[in-house]
N, C-alpha and C. Protein backbone atom coordinates (compact mmCIF):
# COMPACT_ATOMS: atom_id res chain seq x y z
N UNK A 1 83.29 -203.25 26.24
CA UNK A 1 84.41 -202.40 26.04
C UNK A 1 84.15 -201.10 25.15
N UNK A 2 83.68 -201.40 24.09
CA UNK A 2 83.29 -200.32 23.27
C UNK A 2 82.20 -199.42 23.74
N UNK A 3 81.23 -200.11 24.45
CA UNK A 3 80.26 -199.36 25.28
C UNK A 3 80.53 -198.45 26.01
N UNK A 4 81.49 -199.01 26.73
CA UNK A 4 82.08 -198.10 28.09
C UNK A 4 82.91 -197.24 27.67
N UNK A 5 83.57 -197.32 26.50
CA UNK A 5 84.73 -196.33 25.94
C UNK A 5 83.82 -195.21 25.42
N UNK A 6 82.62 -195.47 24.70
CA UNK A 6 81.84 -194.52 24.06
C UNK A 6 81.05 -193.87 25.08
N UNK A 7 80.68 -194.06 26.22
CA UNK A 7 79.87 -193.70 27.34
C UNK A 7 80.88 -192.61 27.99
N UNK A 8 82.08 -193.27 28.19
CA UNK A 8 83.03 -192.04 28.71
C UNK A 8 83.42 -191.01 27.81
N UNK A 9 83.28 -191.09 26.65
CA UNK A 9 83.47 -189.95 25.67
C UNK A 9 82.18 -189.12 25.42
N UNK A 10 80.87 -189.73 26.14
CA UNK A 10 79.56 -189.12 26.32
C UNK A 10 78.82 -189.38 25.06
N UNK A 11 79.26 -190.27 24.33
CA UNK A 11 78.61 -190.64 23.10
C UNK A 11 77.49 -192.00 23.56
N UNK A 12 76.65 -192.11 22.42
CA UNK A 12 75.58 -193.23 22.78
C UNK A 12 76.27 -194.48 21.66
N UNK A 13 75.81 -195.62 22.40
CA UNK A 13 76.04 -196.63 21.59
C UNK A 13 74.91 -196.99 20.72
N UNK A 14 74.71 -196.51 19.58
CA UNK A 14 73.47 -196.62 18.58
C UNK A 14 73.95 -197.00 17.35
N UNK A 15 73.05 -197.71 16.71
CA UNK A 15 73.53 -198.37 15.23
C UNK A 15 73.52 -197.05 14.44
N UNK A 16 74.06 -197.03 13.17
CA UNK A 16 73.95 -196.03 12.22
C UNK A 16 72.54 -195.91 11.87
N UNK A 17 72.12 -194.45 11.35
CA UNK A 17 70.95 -194.19 11.07
C UNK A 17 70.67 -194.85 9.80
N UNK A 18 69.58 -195.66 9.43
CA UNK A 18 69.24 -196.48 8.51
C UNK A 18 67.97 -195.55 7.74
N UNK A 19 67.66 -196.37 6.64
CA UNK A 19 66.41 -195.64 6.06
C UNK A 19 65.32 -195.17 6.77
N UNK A 20 64.55 -194.49 6.79
CA UNK A 20 63.29 -194.07 7.51
C UNK A 20 62.30 -195.05 6.97
N UNK A 21 61.30 -195.45 7.94
CA UNK A 21 60.24 -196.38 7.68
C UNK A 21 59.47 -195.99 6.35
N UNK A 22 59.32 -196.74 5.52
CA UNK A 22 58.52 -196.32 4.21
C UNK A 22 59.43 -195.96 3.28
N UNK A 23 60.67 -195.75 3.21
CA UNK A 23 61.60 -195.57 2.17
C UNK A 23 61.97 -196.93 1.63
N UNK A 24 62.10 -196.98 0.57
CA UNK A 24 62.09 -198.22 -0.45
C UNK A 24 63.67 -198.66 -0.24
N UNK A 25 64.21 -199.84 -0.38
CA UNK A 25 65.06 -200.60 -0.24
C UNK A 25 66.55 -199.99 -1.06
N UNK A 26 67.66 -199.86 -0.42
CA UNK A 26 68.83 -199.41 -1.22
C UNK A 26 69.02 -200.33 -2.42
N UNK A 27 68.95 -201.67 -2.00
CA UNK A 27 69.25 -202.61 -3.24
C UNK A 27 68.34 -202.60 -4.45
N UNK A 28 67.44 -201.90 -4.45
CA UNK A 28 66.66 -201.74 -5.57
C UNK A 28 67.24 -200.94 -6.60
N UNK A 29 66.48 -200.57 -7.94
CA UNK A 29 66.81 -199.69 -9.02
C UNK A 29 66.80 -198.31 -8.38
N UNK A 30 67.60 -197.59 -9.04
CA UNK A 30 67.34 -196.17 -8.75
C UNK A 30 66.23 -195.71 -9.54
N UNK A 31 65.28 -194.82 -8.59
CA UNK A 31 64.17 -194.21 -9.37
C UNK A 31 64.11 -192.92 -9.33
N UNK A 32 63.36 -192.01 -9.89
CA UNK A 32 63.24 -190.74 -10.25
C UNK A 32 62.68 -190.34 -8.76
N UNK A 33 63.02 -189.21 -8.10
CA UNK A 33 62.67 -188.77 -6.81
C UNK A 33 63.77 -189.42 -5.95
N UNK A 34 64.66 -190.33 -6.17
CA UNK A 34 65.46 -190.83 -4.91
C UNK A 34 66.70 -189.78 -4.70
N UNK A 35 67.05 -189.75 -3.59
CA UNK A 35 68.28 -189.13 -3.18
C UNK A 35 69.51 -190.07 -2.93
N UNK A 36 70.62 -189.60 -3.54
CA UNK A 36 71.59 -190.49 -3.83
C UNK A 36 73.07 -189.68 -3.62
N UNK A 37 74.09 -190.32 -3.07
CA UNK A 37 75.44 -189.76 -2.93
C UNK A 37 76.23 -190.12 -4.12
N UNK A 38 76.77 -189.09 -4.86
CA UNK A 38 77.44 -189.15 -6.09
C UNK A 38 78.38 -188.20 -6.19
N UNK A 39 79.44 -188.55 -7.05
CA UNK A 39 80.47 -187.62 -7.47
C UNK A 39 80.20 -186.99 -8.48
N UNK A 40 79.32 -185.79 -8.46
CA UNK A 40 78.52 -185.17 -9.51
C UNK A 40 79.53 -184.26 -10.44
N UNK A 41 79.50 -184.82 -11.81
CA UNK A 41 80.41 -184.11 -12.62
C UNK A 41 80.42 -182.55 -12.69
N UNK A 42 81.61 -181.80 -12.76
CA UNK A 42 81.36 -180.37 -12.82
C UNK A 42 81.04 -180.18 -14.39
N UNK A 43 80.69 -178.93 -14.69
CA UNK A 43 80.15 -178.50 -16.05
C UNK A 43 81.21 -178.38 -16.98
N UNK A 44 82.22 -178.30 -16.73
CA UNK A 44 83.54 -177.82 -17.51
C UNK A 44 84.08 -179.52 -17.70
N UNK A 45 83.77 -180.50 -17.08
CA UNK A 45 84.24 -181.70 -17.29
C UNK A 45 83.15 -182.81 -16.99
N UNK A 46 82.03 -182.84 -17.99
CA UNK A 46 81.06 -183.76 -17.74
C UNK A 46 81.38 -185.35 -17.70
N UNK A 47 82.43 -185.71 -18.17
CA UNK A 47 82.88 -187.11 -18.35
C UNK A 47 83.77 -187.51 -17.14
N UNK A 48 83.88 -186.60 -16.40
CA UNK A 48 84.86 -187.07 -15.32
C UNK A 48 84.13 -186.83 -13.86
N UNK A 49 84.29 -187.72 -12.94
CA UNK A 49 83.56 -187.82 -11.77
C UNK A 49 84.13 -186.47 -11.00
N UNK A 50 83.16 -185.95 -10.32
CA UNK A 50 83.41 -184.91 -9.33
C UNK A 50 84.43 -185.15 -8.29
N UNK A 51 85.05 -184.15 -7.56
CA UNK A 51 85.87 -184.27 -6.44
C UNK A 51 85.39 -184.63 -5.33
N UNK A 52 84.29 -184.33 -4.94
CA UNK A 52 83.44 -184.30 -3.57
C UNK A 52 82.44 -185.23 -3.99
N UNK A 53 81.84 -186.10 -3.01
CA UNK A 53 80.45 -186.86 -3.28
C UNK A 53 79.39 -185.97 -2.51
N UNK A 54 78.47 -185.70 -3.13
CA UNK A 54 77.32 -184.92 -2.85
C UNK A 54 76.10 -185.63 -3.03
N UNK A 55 75.27 -185.20 -2.00
CA UNK A 55 73.75 -185.66 -2.31
C UNK A 55 73.22 -185.16 -3.35
N UNK A 56 72.34 -185.92 -4.11
CA UNK A 56 71.42 -185.11 -5.21
C UNK A 56 70.45 -185.80 -5.44
N UNK A 57 69.46 -185.30 -6.12
CA UNK A 57 68.03 -185.67 -6.44
C UNK A 57 67.90 -186.14 -8.02
N UNK A 58 67.45 -187.48 -7.86
CA UNK A 58 67.17 -187.98 -9.41
C UNK A 58 65.92 -187.24 -9.98
N UNK A 59 66.43 -186.67 -11.14
CA UNK A 59 65.08 -185.99 -11.80
C UNK A 59 64.79 -186.69 -13.04
N UNK A 60 65.40 -187.76 -13.61
CA UNK A 60 65.07 -188.57 -14.66
C UNK A 60 66.20 -189.56 -14.95
N UNK A 61 65.72 -190.51 -15.93
CA UNK A 61 66.77 -191.59 -16.36
C UNK A 61 66.74 -191.47 -17.75
N UNK A 62 67.57 -191.88 -18.66
CA UNK A 62 67.61 -191.98 -19.87
C UNK A 62 68.59 -192.81 -20.46
N UNK A 63 68.66 -192.80 -21.74
CA UNK A 63 70.07 -193.60 -22.21
C UNK A 63 70.71 -192.71 -23.37
N UNK A 64 71.95 -192.32 -23.15
CA UNK A 64 72.59 -191.70 -23.81
C UNK A 64 74.05 -192.49 -24.62
N UNK A 65 73.80 -192.20 -25.82
CA UNK A 65 75.09 -193.06 -26.31
C UNK A 65 74.82 -194.63 -26.16
N UNK A 66 73.93 -194.95 -25.94
CA UNK A 66 73.97 -196.50 -25.62
C UNK A 66 74.00 -196.96 -24.34
N UNK A 67 74.27 -195.74 -23.40
CA UNK A 67 74.65 -196.07 -22.11
C UNK A 67 73.57 -195.35 -21.16
N UNK A 68 73.24 -196.22 -19.99
CA UNK A 68 72.14 -195.58 -19.15
C UNK A 68 72.82 -194.34 -18.31
N UNK A 69 71.89 -193.10 -18.37
CA UNK A 69 72.46 -192.13 -17.34
C UNK A 69 71.19 -191.72 -16.63
N UNK A 70 71.72 -190.78 -15.47
CA UNK A 70 70.84 -190.20 -14.76
C UNK A 70 70.72 -188.73 -14.86
N UNK A 71 69.59 -188.04 -14.82
CA UNK A 71 69.55 -186.58 -14.69
C UNK A 71 69.49 -186.22 -13.14
N UNK A 72 70.36 -185.56 -12.67
CA UNK A 72 70.33 -185.44 -11.18
C UNK A 72 70.44 -183.76 -10.93
N UNK A 73 70.22 -183.00 -9.93
CA UNK A 73 70.13 -182.01 -9.35
C UNK A 73 70.78 -181.93 -7.87
N UNK A 74 72.19 -181.31 -7.95
CA UNK A 74 73.06 -181.61 -6.68
C UNK A 74 72.22 -180.68 -5.56
N UNK A 75 72.28 -181.20 -4.23
CA UNK A 75 71.63 -180.88 -3.29
C UNK A 75 72.72 -179.74 -2.58
N UNK A 76 72.43 -178.54 -2.27
CA UNK A 76 73.45 -177.56 -1.46
C UNK A 76 72.97 -177.31 -0.23
N UNK A 77 74.02 -177.03 0.80
CA UNK A 77 73.52 -176.83 2.15
C UNK A 77 72.74 -175.42 2.03
N UNK A 78 71.67 -175.58 3.08
CA UNK A 78 70.75 -174.61 3.13
C UNK A 78 70.93 -173.70 4.43
N UNK A 79 71.52 -172.34 4.42
CA UNK A 79 71.97 -171.71 5.59
C UNK A 79 70.48 -170.93 6.02
N UNK A 80 70.61 -170.51 7.48
CA UNK A 80 69.47 -170.23 8.02
C UNK A 80 68.67 -168.84 7.63
N UNK A 81 69.87 -168.00 6.55
CA UNK A 81 69.36 -166.72 6.13
C UNK A 81 69.41 -166.81 4.61
N UNK A 82 68.96 -168.17 4.25
CA UNK A 82 69.05 -168.12 2.92
C UNK A 82 67.78 -167.33 2.20
N UNK A 83 67.85 -166.74 1.01
CA UNK A 83 66.58 -166.07 0.53
C UNK A 83 65.54 -167.36 0.15
N UNK A 84 64.39 -166.87 -0.14
CA UNK A 84 63.30 -167.86 -0.43
C UNK A 84 63.62 -168.47 -1.62
N UNK A 85 63.11 -169.86 -1.99
CA UNK A 85 63.53 -170.47 -3.08
C UNK A 85 62.87 -169.83 -4.26
N UNK A 86 63.52 -169.98 -5.42
CA UNK A 86 62.90 -169.47 -6.82
C UNK A 86 61.94 -170.39 -7.20
N UNK A 87 61.37 -170.44 -8.29
CA UNK A 87 60.47 -171.35 -9.00
C UNK A 87 61.20 -172.77 -9.44
N UNK A 88 62.58 -172.68 -9.60
CA UNK A 88 63.13 -174.06 -9.98
C UNK A 88 63.79 -174.63 -8.84
N UNK A 89 63.65 -173.86 -7.52
CA UNK A 89 64.27 -174.67 -6.30
C UNK A 89 63.43 -175.24 -5.40
N UNK A 90 63.84 -176.16 -4.76
CA UNK A 90 62.91 -176.89 -3.70
C UNK A 90 63.76 -177.02 -2.43
N UNK A 91 63.24 -176.80 -1.22
CA UNK A 91 64.04 -176.62 -0.09
C UNK A 91 63.85 -178.03 0.74
N UNK A 92 64.69 -178.93 1.06
CA UNK A 92 64.69 -180.21 1.94
C UNK A 92 64.82 -179.77 3.41
N UNK A 93 63.83 -179.52 4.18
CA UNK A 93 64.06 -179.00 5.71
C UNK A 93 62.98 -179.69 6.62
N UNK A 94 63.22 -179.59 7.70
CA UNK A 94 62.19 -180.34 8.63
C UNK A 94 62.77 -181.61 8.87
N UNK A 95 62.74 -182.22 10.10
CA UNK A 95 63.03 -183.34 10.74
C UNK A 95 62.53 -184.64 9.55
N UNK A 96 61.37 -184.68 9.39
CA UNK A 96 60.65 -185.54 8.62
C UNK A 96 61.51 -185.72 7.25
N UNK A 97 61.42 -184.73 6.67
CA UNK A 97 61.97 -184.46 5.28
C UNK A 97 63.75 -184.89 5.45
N UNK A 98 64.24 -184.49 6.37
CA UNK A 98 65.75 -184.96 6.54
C UNK A 98 65.77 -186.49 6.61
N UNK A 99 65.00 -187.05 7.58
CA UNK A 99 65.03 -188.37 7.84
C UNK A 99 64.59 -189.20 6.56
N UNK A 100 63.67 -188.76 5.98
CA UNK A 100 63.38 -189.68 4.73
C UNK A 100 64.22 -189.42 3.45
N UNK A 101 64.76 -188.55 3.60
CA UNK A 101 65.61 -188.17 2.35
C UNK A 101 67.06 -188.95 2.40
N UNK A 102 67.50 -188.91 4.04
CA UNK A 102 68.77 -189.64 4.22
C UNK A 102 69.80 -188.44 4.32
N UNK A 103 69.60 -187.29 4.33
CA UNK A 103 70.69 -186.18 4.56
C UNK A 103 70.73 -185.63 5.97
N UNK A 104 71.62 -185.18 6.40
CA UNK A 104 71.80 -184.65 7.75
C UNK A 104 71.38 -183.24 7.96
N UNK A 105 71.06 -182.28 7.12
CA UNK A 105 70.94 -180.93 7.17
C UNK A 105 70.19 -180.46 6.17
N UNK A 106 69.52 -179.38 6.21
CA UNK A 106 68.69 -178.74 5.45
C UNK A 106 69.41 -178.60 3.98
N UNK A 107 68.95 -178.67 2.90
CA UNK A 107 69.33 -178.51 1.82
C UNK A 107 68.46 -177.87 0.72
N UNK A 108 68.96 -177.61 -0.24
CA UNK A 108 68.29 -176.72 -1.63
C UNK A 108 68.68 -177.58 -2.89
N UNK A 109 67.61 -178.12 -3.61
CA UNK A 109 67.92 -178.55 -4.99
C UNK A 109 67.33 -177.55 -6.01
N UNK A 110 68.11 -177.24 -6.92
CA UNK A 110 67.85 -176.35 -8.00
C UNK A 110 67.61 -177.13 -9.25
N UNK A 111 66.49 -177.44 -9.87
CA UNK A 111 66.18 -178.15 -11.06
C UNK A 111 66.92 -177.36 -12.24
N UNK A 112 67.05 -176.11 -12.17
CA UNK A 112 68.05 -175.66 -13.33
C UNK A 112 69.38 -176.09 -13.38
N UNK A 113 69.93 -176.56 -12.48
CA UNK A 113 71.32 -177.15 -12.22
C UNK A 113 71.38 -178.24 -12.40
N UNK A 114 70.87 -178.97 -13.56
CA UNK A 114 70.82 -180.39 -13.87
C UNK A 114 72.15 -180.82 -14.36
N UNK A 115 72.60 -182.06 -14.09
CA UNK A 115 73.80 -182.55 -14.54
C UNK A 115 73.38 -184.09 -14.72
N UNK A 116 74.36 -184.60 -15.74
CA UNK A 116 74.18 -185.77 -16.31
C UNK A 116 75.02 -186.73 -15.61
N UNK A 117 74.72 -187.79 -15.08
CA UNK A 117 75.37 -188.47 -14.40
C UNK A 117 75.52 -190.15 -14.91
N UNK A 118 76.41 -190.45 -15.54
CA UNK A 118 76.78 -191.77 -16.29
C UNK A 118 76.35 -193.06 -14.95
N UNK A 119 75.76 -194.03 -15.51
CA UNK A 119 75.59 -195.17 -14.55
C UNK A 119 76.95 -195.79 -14.35
N UNK A 120 77.92 -195.38 -14.09
CA UNK A 120 79.37 -195.95 -14.00
C UNK A 120 79.60 -195.86 -12.36
N UNK A 121 80.33 -196.93 -11.83
CA UNK A 121 80.67 -196.94 -10.45
C UNK A 121 81.54 -195.91 -10.11
N UNK A 122 82.47 -195.30 -10.81
CA UNK A 122 83.21 -194.21 -10.55
C UNK A 122 82.59 -192.98 -10.27
N UNK A 123 81.45 -192.76 -10.54
CA UNK A 123 80.43 -191.67 -10.24
C UNK A 123 79.64 -191.65 -8.95
N UNK A 124 79.82 -192.80 -8.25
CA UNK A 124 79.00 -193.07 -7.14
C UNK A 124 79.62 -193.31 -5.83
N UNK A 125 79.34 -192.76 -4.74
CA UNK A 125 80.03 -193.11 -3.54
C UNK A 125 80.09 -194.37 -3.23
N UNK A 126 81.11 -194.71 -2.44
CA UNK A 126 81.42 -196.08 -2.02
C UNK A 126 81.14 -196.01 -0.59
N UNK A 127 81.02 -197.23 0.08
CA UNK A 127 80.91 -197.30 1.33
C UNK A 127 79.44 -197.62 1.83
N UNK A 128 79.05 -196.97 2.99
CA UNK A 128 77.58 -197.11 3.34
C UNK A 128 76.67 -196.38 2.39
N UNK A 129 77.24 -195.37 1.69
CA UNK A 129 76.20 -194.29 1.01
C UNK A 129 76.02 -195.00 -0.46
N UNK A 130 76.08 -196.43 -0.78
CA UNK A 130 75.97 -196.92 -2.17
C UNK A 130 74.42 -196.69 -2.50
N UNK A 131 74.25 -196.28 -3.77
CA UNK A 131 72.84 -196.15 -4.33
C UNK A 131 72.03 -195.23 -3.56
N UNK A 132 70.61 -195.27 -3.65
CA UNK A 132 69.81 -194.57 -2.79
C UNK A 132 70.08 -194.29 -1.50
N UNK A 133 70.22 -193.21 -0.93
CA UNK A 133 70.23 -193.15 0.57
C UNK A 133 68.79 -192.63 0.98
N UNK A 134 67.80 -192.39 0.31
CA UNK A 134 66.62 -192.14 0.85
C UNK A 134 65.68 -191.70 -0.54
N UNK A 135 64.61 -191.12 -0.28
CA UNK A 135 63.65 -190.77 -1.54
C UNK A 135 62.88 -189.37 -0.83
N UNK A 136 62.34 -188.87 -2.07
CA UNK A 136 61.45 -187.38 -1.77
C UNK A 136 60.13 -188.17 -1.35
N UNK A 137 59.57 -187.35 -0.27
CA UNK A 137 58.00 -187.56 -0.01
C UNK A 137 57.17 -187.13 -0.93
N UNK A 138 55.88 -187.43 -1.21
CA UNK A 138 54.88 -187.13 -2.10
C UNK A 138 54.89 -185.71 -2.32
N UNK A 139 54.87 -184.99 -1.36
CA UNK A 139 54.58 -183.36 -1.70
C UNK A 139 55.60 -182.69 -2.12
N UNK A 140 56.89 -183.25 -1.49
CA UNK A 140 58.31 -182.66 -1.91
C UNK A 140 58.55 -183.20 -3.37
N UNK A 141 58.13 -184.34 -3.89
CA UNK A 141 58.20 -184.84 -5.38
C UNK A 141 57.52 -184.10 -6.16
N UNK A 142 56.05 -183.70 -5.88
CA UNK A 142 55.48 -182.94 -6.64
C UNK A 142 56.01 -181.71 -6.67
N UNK A 143 56.58 -180.84 -5.83
CA UNK A 143 57.21 -179.59 -6.09
C UNK A 143 58.13 -179.80 -6.93
N UNK A 144 59.21 -180.90 -6.54
CA UNK A 144 60.39 -181.01 -7.52
C UNK A 144 59.85 -181.17 -9.01
N UNK A 145 59.03 -181.92 -9.07
CA UNK A 145 58.49 -182.18 -10.51
C UNK A 145 58.01 -180.85 -11.37
N UNK A 146 57.22 -180.16 -10.55
CA UNK A 146 56.86 -178.77 -10.97
C UNK A 146 58.00 -177.73 -11.40
N UNK A 147 59.25 -177.72 -10.41
CA UNK A 147 60.12 -176.98 -10.61
C UNK A 147 61.04 -177.34 -11.64
N UNK A 148 60.99 -178.71 -12.02
CA UNK A 148 61.79 -179.25 -13.26
C UNK A 148 60.97 -178.90 -14.37
N UNK A 149 59.76 -178.99 -14.47
CA UNK A 149 59.05 -178.51 -15.62
C UNK A 149 59.34 -177.12 -15.89
N UNK A 150 59.36 -176.18 -15.05
CA UNK A 150 59.54 -174.73 -15.15
C UNK A 150 61.08 -174.46 -15.92
N UNK A 151 62.07 -175.52 -15.03
CA UNK A 151 63.35 -175.07 -15.78
C UNK A 151 63.31 -175.78 -16.94
N UNK A 152 62.81 -176.97 -17.54
CA UNK A 152 62.83 -177.16 -18.96
C UNK A 152 62.07 -176.37 -19.86
N UNK A 153 61.06 -175.50 -19.33
CA UNK A 153 60.44 -174.75 -20.27
C UNK A 153 61.53 -173.38 -20.35
N UNK A 154 62.04 -173.22 -19.23
CA UNK A 154 63.34 -172.05 -19.49
C UNK A 154 64.33 -172.34 -20.38
N UNK A 155 64.80 -173.33 -20.10
CA UNK A 155 65.77 -173.94 -21.03
C UNK A 155 65.34 -174.02 -22.78
N UNK A 156 64.32 -174.28 -22.77
CA UNK A 156 63.41 -174.42 -24.14
C UNK A 156 63.14 -172.94 -24.72
N UNK A 157 62.91 -172.05 -24.05
CA UNK A 157 63.02 -170.51 -24.44
C UNK A 157 64.13 -170.13 -24.82
N UNK A 158 65.27 -170.39 -24.00
CA UNK A 158 66.70 -169.93 -24.22
C UNK A 158 67.15 -170.43 -25.52
N UNK A 159 66.93 -171.62 -25.73
CA UNK A 159 67.29 -172.27 -27.03
C UNK A 159 66.49 -171.89 -28.28
N UNK A 160 65.42 -171.53 -28.09
CA UNK A 160 64.49 -170.83 -29.02
C UNK A 160 65.02 -169.47 -29.30
N UNK A 161 65.34 -168.42 -28.24
CA UNK A 161 65.86 -167.20 -28.47
C UNK A 161 67.31 -167.45 -29.23
N UNK A 162 68.12 -168.21 -28.96
CA UNK A 162 69.46 -168.38 -29.53
C UNK A 162 69.28 -168.81 -30.92
N UNK A 163 68.18 -169.77 -31.25
CA UNK A 163 68.06 -170.07 -32.85
C UNK A 163 67.59 -168.80 -33.47
N UNK A 164 66.58 -167.90 -32.97
CA UNK A 164 66.17 -166.71 -33.39
C UNK A 164 67.21 -165.80 -33.81
N UNK A 165 67.95 -165.73 -32.55
CA UNK A 165 69.14 -164.52 -32.66
C UNK A 165 70.27 -165.18 -33.93
N UNK A 166 70.34 -166.40 -33.97
CA UNK A 166 71.34 -166.91 -34.92
C UNK A 166 70.86 -166.50 -36.56
N UNK A 167 69.59 -166.81 -36.63
CA UNK A 167 68.95 -166.65 -37.99
C UNK A 167 68.81 -165.12 -38.49
N UNK A 168 68.75 -164.23 -37.35
CA UNK A 168 68.87 -162.94 -37.44
C UNK A 168 70.16 -162.42 -37.48
N UNK A 169 71.39 -163.21 -37.64
CA UNK A 169 72.67 -162.74 -37.72
C UNK A 169 73.45 -162.44 -36.54
N UNK A 170 72.62 -162.63 -35.40
CA UNK A 170 73.52 -162.34 -34.05
C UNK A 170 74.22 -163.25 -33.52
N UNK A 171 75.04 -164.12 -34.30
CA UNK A 171 75.86 -165.25 -34.01
C UNK A 171 77.14 -165.21 -34.57
N UNK A 172 78.15 -166.03 -34.20
CA UNK A 172 79.33 -166.15 -34.97
C UNK A 172 79.90 -167.65 -35.12
N UNK A 173 80.72 -167.90 -36.04
CA UNK A 173 81.07 -169.13 -36.39
C UNK A 173 82.35 -169.32 -35.58
N UNK A 174 82.63 -170.59 -35.29
CA UNK A 174 83.76 -170.76 -34.23
C UNK A 174 83.98 -172.41 -34.85
N UNK A 175 85.40 -172.43 -35.04
CA UNK A 175 85.83 -173.75 -35.80
C UNK A 175 85.85 -174.94 -34.61
N UNK A 176 85.90 -174.20 -33.28
CA UNK A 176 85.61 -175.43 -32.46
C UNK A 176 84.13 -176.23 -32.27
N UNK A 177 83.15 -175.14 -32.04
CA UNK A 177 81.82 -175.33 -31.46
C UNK A 177 80.84 -175.27 -32.58
N UNK A 178 81.15 -174.99 -33.89
CA UNK A 178 80.28 -174.59 -34.76
C UNK A 178 79.68 -173.01 -34.72
N UNK A 179 78.36 -173.01 -34.87
CA UNK A 179 77.91 -171.63 -34.66
C UNK A 179 77.27 -171.63 -33.00
N UNK A 180 77.74 -170.22 -32.64
CA UNK A 180 77.33 -170.06 -31.13
C UNK A 180 77.04 -168.77 -31.17
N UNK A 181 75.95 -168.45 -30.10
CA UNK A 181 75.55 -167.01 -29.95
C UNK A 181 77.00 -166.09 -29.17
N UNK A 182 76.85 -164.84 -29.72
CA UNK A 182 77.88 -163.91 -29.01
C UNK A 182 77.25 -163.52 -27.77
N UNK A 183 77.96 -163.03 -26.69
CA UNK A 183 77.84 -162.70 -25.57
C UNK A 183 77.44 -161.00 -25.62
N UNK A 184 76.21 -160.73 -25.46
CA UNK A 184 75.79 -159.20 -25.67
C UNK A 184 76.38 -158.29 -24.42
């Protein structure tokens, strides 16, 4: 009955797309290099789940204030006329890459756009996309790791510059946040 209805609509009676061959099982622990669907928090509300579930790449795992957290980079849709990726960006495109990562269209991950994702069920999408939906292949994983290192070096240089500026007197005291750099 269902197959005749689907064929009348011009649709195929196929099972949902599962993990590609060689992709680790969804039931295992989340690892660095996995792609997962999560409610990534916004920068202005880091303790609240985001509004829309989006795919993201796991860049690292850590413990913050006694709770396990993931460091992730959200994946953004990649348009056909997008500029070339920067040193901190990695494109996920091509049939094999999309199949392995579990996403349905080309996307770009920016290692400089890192977010902390608490290991709280409220932050993870429910239904068919619980946990890892795929993983990066070795070559893409190496490119993502290099982009992450560049992003970390850039962050460290910015923090060092802020400290130098504050020591030189180019900062102000805020009752809410302590000492912060002025916008120039």
